[in-house]
Amino acid sequence: MDILTDKRLLTVIGLLSAAFFTLFLASGIFTKFNLGNAVGMVICGCITAACIWHEKFAEILAAMLRSRSGRIILTAAVTVAVICIICACVISVLMIRAMNRLPSEPETVIVLGCRVKQDGPSLMLEKRINAAYEYMTENPSALCIASGGKGSDEPVSEAQCIKDRLCLMGISADRIIMEDRSVNTFENIRNSLEIMDSLGMKRSAVIVTSEFHQLRAGIIASKQGLEVYSKSASTYLPLLPSYWIREWFGVMHEIIIGRK
């Protein structure tokens, strides 16, 4: 079956890609636009356009295949696309593996901060707080480091928000240590480690963050000498594709040029 001439199949593919384009656009509008939204929109937009103007697309491909330079360009494009797909698949598998690595014994909990809105934690931060509450309830001897500074558009620090919510949920304030200076994941881990070292705690912790973020957080932590386990918070499903794609680039950046 020739995919470029089967109109029913092209229609289905075009509608699906258009739907995902809308999803990436909407998630960027209603949350914070990121690289995942942009890449998702570009990919879906190109697929949708190719399905709508499939005859013109087929003509262009045929013309390129007839010329030597066209074949070189197509070969290079396909090679790059295949490499990108392989990298995305490998990173995705590693991300899935990193989602749930719970320890056999209670460990210190490090909750990585996220945006705080004027009326309280963002949806993503709230899910991280709930995941931390679940772990701390199941492990009453575990201490928690609430990590995250205060952004210019945030009413309180992310650490303060995490602590306040956990206390409201019934976790004793004595079990929560605030780290309210960090502005990114690297600083979350570095500053939390400084606290742990100052208190004579072993360099081992359960990282509480969104499921897509666990792999990169684990890589950053391992570089700094922290043995990590995972307690993952689920992401609101319509937002997951854009954050998942963004994380591909984040993981690659951390592997290639990330700080140590």
Protein backbone atom coordinates (compact mmCIF):
# COMPACT_ATOMS: atom_id res chain seq x y z
CA MET A 1 0.00 0.00 0.00
CA ASP A 2 1.39 3.37 -1.04
CA ILE A 3 1.01 5.68 1.95
CA LEU A 4 1.32 8.73 -0.29
CA THR A 5 -1.77 7.80 -2.37
CA ASP A 6 -4.07 6.14 0.19
CA LYS A 7 -6.37 9.07 0.96
CA ARG A 8 -8.20 7.39 3.84
CA LEU A 9 -4.97 6.61 5.66
CA LEU A 10 -3.64 10.10 4.96
CA THR A 11 -6.83 11.60 6.34
CA VAL A 12 -6.54 9.61 9.57
CA ILE A 13 -2.85 10.50 9.98
CA GLY A 14 -3.57 14.16 9.18
CA LEU A 15 -6.39 14.37 11.71
CA LEU A 16 -4.29 12.73 14.43
CA SER A 17 -1.32 15.01 13.82
CA ALA A 18 -3.60 18.06 13.75
CA ALA A 19 -5.11 16.98 17.06
CA PHE A 20 -1.66 16.65 18.62
CA PHE A 21 -0.65 20.01 17.15
CA THR A 22 -3.64 21.54 18.94
CA LEU A 23 -2.70 19.73 22.15
CA PHE A 24 0.89 21.06 22.05
CA LEU A 25 -0.38 24.57 21.29
CA ALA A 26 -3.00 24.52 24.06
CA SER A 27 -0.57 23.17 26.67
CA GLY A 28 1.86 25.95 25.80
CA ILE A 29 -0.84 28.62 26.06
CA PHE A 30 -2.34 27.45 29.34
CA THR A 31 0.94 26.59 31.10
CA LYS A 32 4.41 27.80 30.15
CA PHE A 33 5.60 27.46 26.56
CA ASN A 34 8.69 25.26 26.31
CA LEU A 35 10.89 23.48 23.80
CA GLY A 36 8.66 20.40 23.92
CA ASN A 37 5.67 22.42 22.72
CA ALA A 38 7.69 23.95 19.89
CA VAL A 39 9.19 20.67 18.66
CA GLY A 40 5.85 18.88 18.94
CA MET A 41 4.09 21.60 16.96
CA VAL A 42 6.76 21.60 14.23
CA ILE A 43 6.64 17.81 13.81
CA CYS A 44 2.84 17.63 13.86
CA GLY A 45 2.52 20.67 11.61
CA CYS A 46 4.83 19.14 9.01
CA ILE A 47 2.97 15.81 9.08
CA THR A 48 -0.40 17.56 8.76
CA ALA A 49 0.82 19.70 5.86
CA ALA A 50 2.27 16.64 4.10
CA CYS A 51 -1.09 14.85 4.44
CA ILE A 52 -3.12 17.81 3.19
CA TRP A 53 -0.86 18.53 0.21
CA HIS A 54 0.21 14.93 -0.32
CA GLU A 55 0.21 15.14 -4.11
CA LYS A 56 2.53 18.14 -4.13
CA PHE A 57 4.67 16.47 -1.47
CA ALA A 58 4.95 13.32 -3.63
CA GLU A 59 5.97 15.43 -6.64
CA ILE A 60 8.71 17.16 -4.65
CA LEU A 61 10.05 13.83 -3.39
CA ALA A 62 10.05 12.38 -6.91
CA ALA A 63 11.92 15.43 -8.24
CA MET A 64 14.53 15.19 -5.50
CA LEU A 65 15.07 11.50 -6.17
CA ARG A 66 15.81 12.26 -9.82
CA SER A 67 18.76 14.52 -8.96
CA ARG A 68 22.02 13.65 -7.25
CA SER A 69 21.91 16.63 -4.90
CA GLY A 70 18.29 15.83 -4.04
CA ARG A 71 19.18 12.26 -3.14
CA ILE A 72 22.03 13.48 -0.94
CA ILE A 73 19.70 15.89 0.89
CA LEU A 74 17.06 13.19 1.35
CA THR A 75 19.63 10.67 2.59
CA ALA A 76 21.00 13.17 5.08
CA ALA A 77 17.50 14.11 6.26
CA VAL A 78 16.45 10.48 6.68
CA THR A 79 19.70 9.66 8.50
CA VAL A 80 19.24 12.55 10.93
CA ALA A 81 15.58 11.59 11.45
CA VAL A 82 16.48 7.95 12.17
CA ILE A 83 19.19 8.97 14.64
CA CYS A 84 16.78 11.33 16.41
CA ILE A 85 14.09 8.65 16.62
CA ILE A 86 16.55 6.10 18.03
CA CYS A 87 17.82 8.60 20.62
CA ALA A 88 14.26 9.55 21.58
CA CYS A 89 13.30 5.88 22.00
CA VAL A 90 16.39 5.02 24.07
CA ILE A 91 15.94 8.06 26.33
CA SER A 92 12.23 7.29 26.72
CA VAL A 93 12.98 3.73 27.82
CA LEU A 94 15.51 5.04 30.35
CA MET A 95 12.97 7.63 31.56
CA ILE A 96 10.40 4.89 32.13
CA ARG A 97 12.94 2.75 33.99
CA ALA A 98 13.85 5.70 36.22
CA MET A 99 10.27 6.42 37.28
CA ASN A 100 10.00 4.01 40.18
CA ARG A 101 13.14 2.91 42.02
CA LEU A 102 11.89 2.74 45.58
CA PRO A 103 14.42 1.76 48.29
CA SER A 104 13.99 -1.26 50.53
CA GLU A 105 14.38 0.93 53.65
CA PRO A 106 13.15 4.46 54.45
CA GLU A 107 15.33 7.20 53.00
CA THR A 108 15.52 10.98 53.20
CA VAL A 109 13.05 12.58 50.80
CA ILE A 110 14.08 15.46 48.53
CA VAL A 111 11.05 17.15 46.97
CA LEU A 112 12.01 19.14 43.88
CA GLY A 113 10.11 22.39 43.62
CA CYS A 114 7.94 23.66 40.81
CA ARG A 115 5.98 26.82 40.11
CA VAL A 116 3.92 28.38 42.90
CA LYS A 117 0.90 30.40 41.79
CA GLN A 118 -0.70 33.30 43.67
CA ASP A 119 -3.39 30.98 45.03
CA GLY A 120 -1.11 28.05 45.90
CA PRO A 121 0.96 25.32 44.25
CA SER A 122 0.69 24.68 40.54
CA LEU A 123 -0.93 21.43 39.48
CA MET A 124 2.47 19.85 38.91
CA LEU A 125 3.81 20.94 42.31
CA GLU A 126 0.65 19.77 44.03
CA LYS A 127 1.11 16.29 42.57
CA ARG A 128 4.72 16.24 43.81
CA ILE A 129 3.55 17.26 47.28
CA ASN A 130 0.95 14.48 47.25
CA ALA A 131 3.61 11.94 46.24
CA ALA A 132 5.87 13.14 49.07
CA TYR A 133 3.00 12.90 51.54
CA GLU A 134 2.28 9.34 50.44
CA TYR A 135 5.91 8.28 50.90
CA MET A 136 6.30 10.04 54.26
CA THR A 137 3.06 8.53 55.53
CA GLU A 138 4.22 5.06 54.53
CA ASN A 139 7.65 5.74 56.08
CA PRO A 140 7.08 7.71 59.32
CA SER A 141 10.82 7.83 60.13
CA ALA A 142 11.74 9.56 56.86
CA LEU A 143 12.77 13.21 56.86
CA CYS A 144 12.01 15.57 54.01
CA ILE A 145 14.01 18.33 52.35
CA ALA A 146 11.65 20.73 50.57
CA SER A 147 13.74 22.26 47.79
CA GLY A 148 13.06 25.33 45.68
CA GLY A 149 13.63 29.07 45.82
CA LYS A 150 11.28 31.97 45.14
CA GLY A 151 10.83 33.18 41.58
CA SER A 152 10.03 36.79 40.75
CA ASP A 153 6.41 35.85 39.99
CA GLU A 154 5.91 33.58 43.00
CA PRO A 155 4.30 34.74 46.29
CA VAL A 156 6.46 32.43 48.45
CA SER A 157 9.38 30.10 47.88
CA GLU A 158 8.62 26.67 46.47
CA ALA A 159 10.19 25.13 49.59
CA GLN A 160 7.85 27.11 51.83
CA CYS A 161 4.84 26.09 49.77
CA ILE A 162 5.85 22.41 49.95
CA LYS A 163 6.34 22.59 53.71
CA ASP A 164 3.08 24.45 54.35
CA ARG A 165 1.05 21.96 52.32
CA LEU A 166 2.66 18.91 53.90
CA CYS A 167 2.00 20.35 57.37
CA LEU A 168 -1.63 21.00 56.46
CA MET A 169 -1.88 17.37 55.38
CA GLY A 170 -0.66 16.21 58.77
CA ILE A 171 3.11 15.81 58.37
CA SER A 172 4.99 17.18 61.39
CA ALA A 173 7.03 20.34 60.71
CA ASP A 174 9.93 18.70 62.59
CA ARG A 175 10.28 16.23 59.72
CA ILE A 176 10.64 18.94 57.05
CA ILE A 177 13.81 20.90 56.28
CA MET A 178 13.59 23.83 53.86
CA GLU A 179 16.12 24.52 51.11
CA ASP A 180 14.83 27.78 49.62
CA ARG A 181 17.78 29.11 47.58
CA SER A 182 17.83 26.91 44.47
CA VAL A 183 16.59 28.00 41.04
CA ASN A 184 17.11 24.79 39.03
CA THR A 185 17.51 21.04 39.45
CA PHE A 186 21.30 21.19 39.76
CA GLU A 187 21.00 23.63 42.67
CA ASN A 188 18.13 21.62 44.18
CA ILE A 189 20.45 18.64 44.50
CA ARG A 190 23.62 20.56 45.41
CA ASN A 191 21.97 22.61 48.16
CA SER A 192 20.08 19.62 49.52
CA LEU A 193 23.33 17.65 49.67
CA GLU A 194 24.95 20.47 51.62
CA ILE A 195 22.15 20.22 54.19
CA MET A 196 22.47 16.44 54.37
CA ASP A 197 26.24 16.64 54.81
CA SER A 198 25.93 19.29 57.53
CA LEU A 199 23.54 17.04 59.45
CA GLY A 200 25.70 13.96 59.03
CA MET A 201 23.12 12.17 56.90
CA LYS A 202 24.16 9.47 54.47
CA ARG A 203 24.30 10.44 50.81
CA SER A 204 21.21 8.53 49.78
CA ALA A 205 17.74 9.91 49.11
CA VAL A 206 14.38 9.42 47.44
CA ILE A 207 13.82 12.09 44.79
CA VAL A 208 10.20 13.22 44.55
CA THR A 209 9.52 14.87 41.21
CA SER A 210 7.40 14.41 38.10
CA GLU A 211 7.81 11.07 36.35
CA PHE A 212 9.32 12.57 33.18
CA HIS A 213 11.94 14.41 35.29
CA GLN A 214 13.27 11.45 37.27
CA LEU A 215 15.96 10.35 34.82
CA ARG A 216 17.57 13.78 34.47
CA ALA A 217 17.31 14.46 38.20
CA GLY A 218 18.97 11.09 38.85
CA ILE A 219 21.81 11.86 36.44
CA ILE A 220 22.42 15.23 38.10
CA ALA A 221 22.32 13.66 41.56
CA SER A 222 24.67 10.82 40.63
CA LYS A 223 27.23 13.30 39.28
CA GLN A 224 27.26 14.93 42.71
CA GLY A 225 27.70 11.68 44.60
CA LEU A 226 24.11 11.15 45.72
CA GLU A 227 22.62 7.66 45.58
CA VAL A 228 19.09 8.16 44.35
CA TYR A 229 15.75 6.40 44.41
CA SER A 230 12.50 7.61 42.91
CA LYS A 231 9.00 8.45 44.05
CA SER A 232 7.26 9.82 41.00
CA ALA A 233 4.38 12.24 40.75
CA SER A 234 2.07 11.79 37.78
CA THR A 235 1.70 14.60 35.25
CA TYR A 236 -1.69 15.83 34.02
CA LEU A 237 -2.04 13.74 30.84
CA PRO A 238 -2.62 16.56 28.29
CA LEU A 239 0.62 18.21 29.45
CA LEU A 240 2.76 15.07 29.44
CA PRO A 241 3.68 14.94 25.70
CA SER A 242 5.27 18.41 25.66
CA TYR A 243 7.19 17.86 28.90
CA TRP A 244 8.27 14.40 27.77
CA ILE A 245 9.68 15.76 24.50
CA ARG A 246 11.35 18.67 26.29
CA GLU A 247 13.03 16.18 28.60
CA TRP A 248 14.69 14.40 25.66
CA PHE A 249 16.72 17.54 25.07
CA GLY A 250 17.28 18.08 28.78
CA VAL A 251 18.70 14.59 29.23
CA MET A 252 20.96 14.93 26.17
CA HIS A 253 22.20 18.30 27.42
CA GLU A 254 22.91 16.86 30.87
CA ILE A 255 24.79 13.88 29.44
CA ILE A 256 26.89 15.92 27.01
CA ILE A 257 27.59 19.25 28.72
CA GLY A 258 25.84 19.19 32.09
CA ARG A 259 27.67 20.50 35.15
CA LYS A 260 29.41 18.19 37.60
